[in-house]
Protein backbone atom coordinates (compact mmCIF):
# COMPACT_ATOMS: atom_id res chain seq x y z
CA MET A 1 0.00 0.00 0.00
CA ARG A 2 2.74 2.43 0.94
CA GLN A 3 4.67 1.77 -2.26
CA THR A 4 1.51 2.33 -4.30
CA ILE A 5 0.96 5.67 -2.60
CA ARG A 6 4.54 6.72 -3.32
CA ASN A 7 4.12 5.82 -6.97
CA LEU A 8 0.98 7.94 -7.22
CA ILE A 9 2.51 11.00 -5.62
CA GLY A 10 3.34 13.61 -8.23
CA GLU A 11 4.23 16.49 -5.94
CA LYS A 12 4.20 17.16 -2.21
CA LYS A 13 3.37 20.57 -0.76
CA LEU A 14 2.91 21.12 2.96
CA ASN A 15 0.05 18.85 4.04
CA LYS A 16 -1.24 18.28 0.53
CA LEU A 17 -0.43 15.59 -1.99
CA TYR A 18 -1.15 15.85 -5.66
CA PHE A 19 -2.17 12.51 -7.12
CA PHE A 20 -2.13 11.58 -10.77
CA ILE A 21 -5.65 10.37 -11.55
CA VAL A 22 -6.60 8.64 -14.76
CA ASP A 23 -10.33 8.91 -15.35
CA SER A 24 -12.63 6.91 -17.60
CA THR A 25 -11.54 8.92 -20.64
CA ASN A 26 -7.86 8.17 -19.96
CA ARG A 27 -7.17 11.83 -19.29
CA ARG A 28 -4.44 12.26 -16.73
CA HIS A 29 -4.89 15.12 -14.31
CA PHE A 30 -3.90 16.19 -10.82
CA THR A 31 -6.26 15.80 -7.90
CA GLU A 32 -5.47 17.69 -4.72
CA ILE A 33 -6.03 15.63 -1.59
CA PHE A 34 -5.45 16.35 2.08
CA VAL A 35 -3.57 13.41 3.55
CA GLU A 36 -2.23 14.50 6.92
CA ASP A 37 -3.05 11.08 8.40
CA ILE A 38 -1.49 9.15 5.53
CA MET A 39 1.72 11.17 5.61
CA GLU A 40 2.66 9.60 8.94
CA ASP A 41 2.68 6.14 7.35
CA VAL A 42 4.43 7.04 4.11
C-alpha cells in the first residue's frame, strides 16, 4: 500500500499531496487531496 501511494505522488506541498488520476476517458490530471493522516505512514 505504501509503495503504491509513493508511486501515485506527483508532488508534495505542505500537508497536501497531488495525485495523478486517470479517469474513464484516460485523461491524466492532478487531484489535490489532504492526507495529513497518511503522511505519517508514508
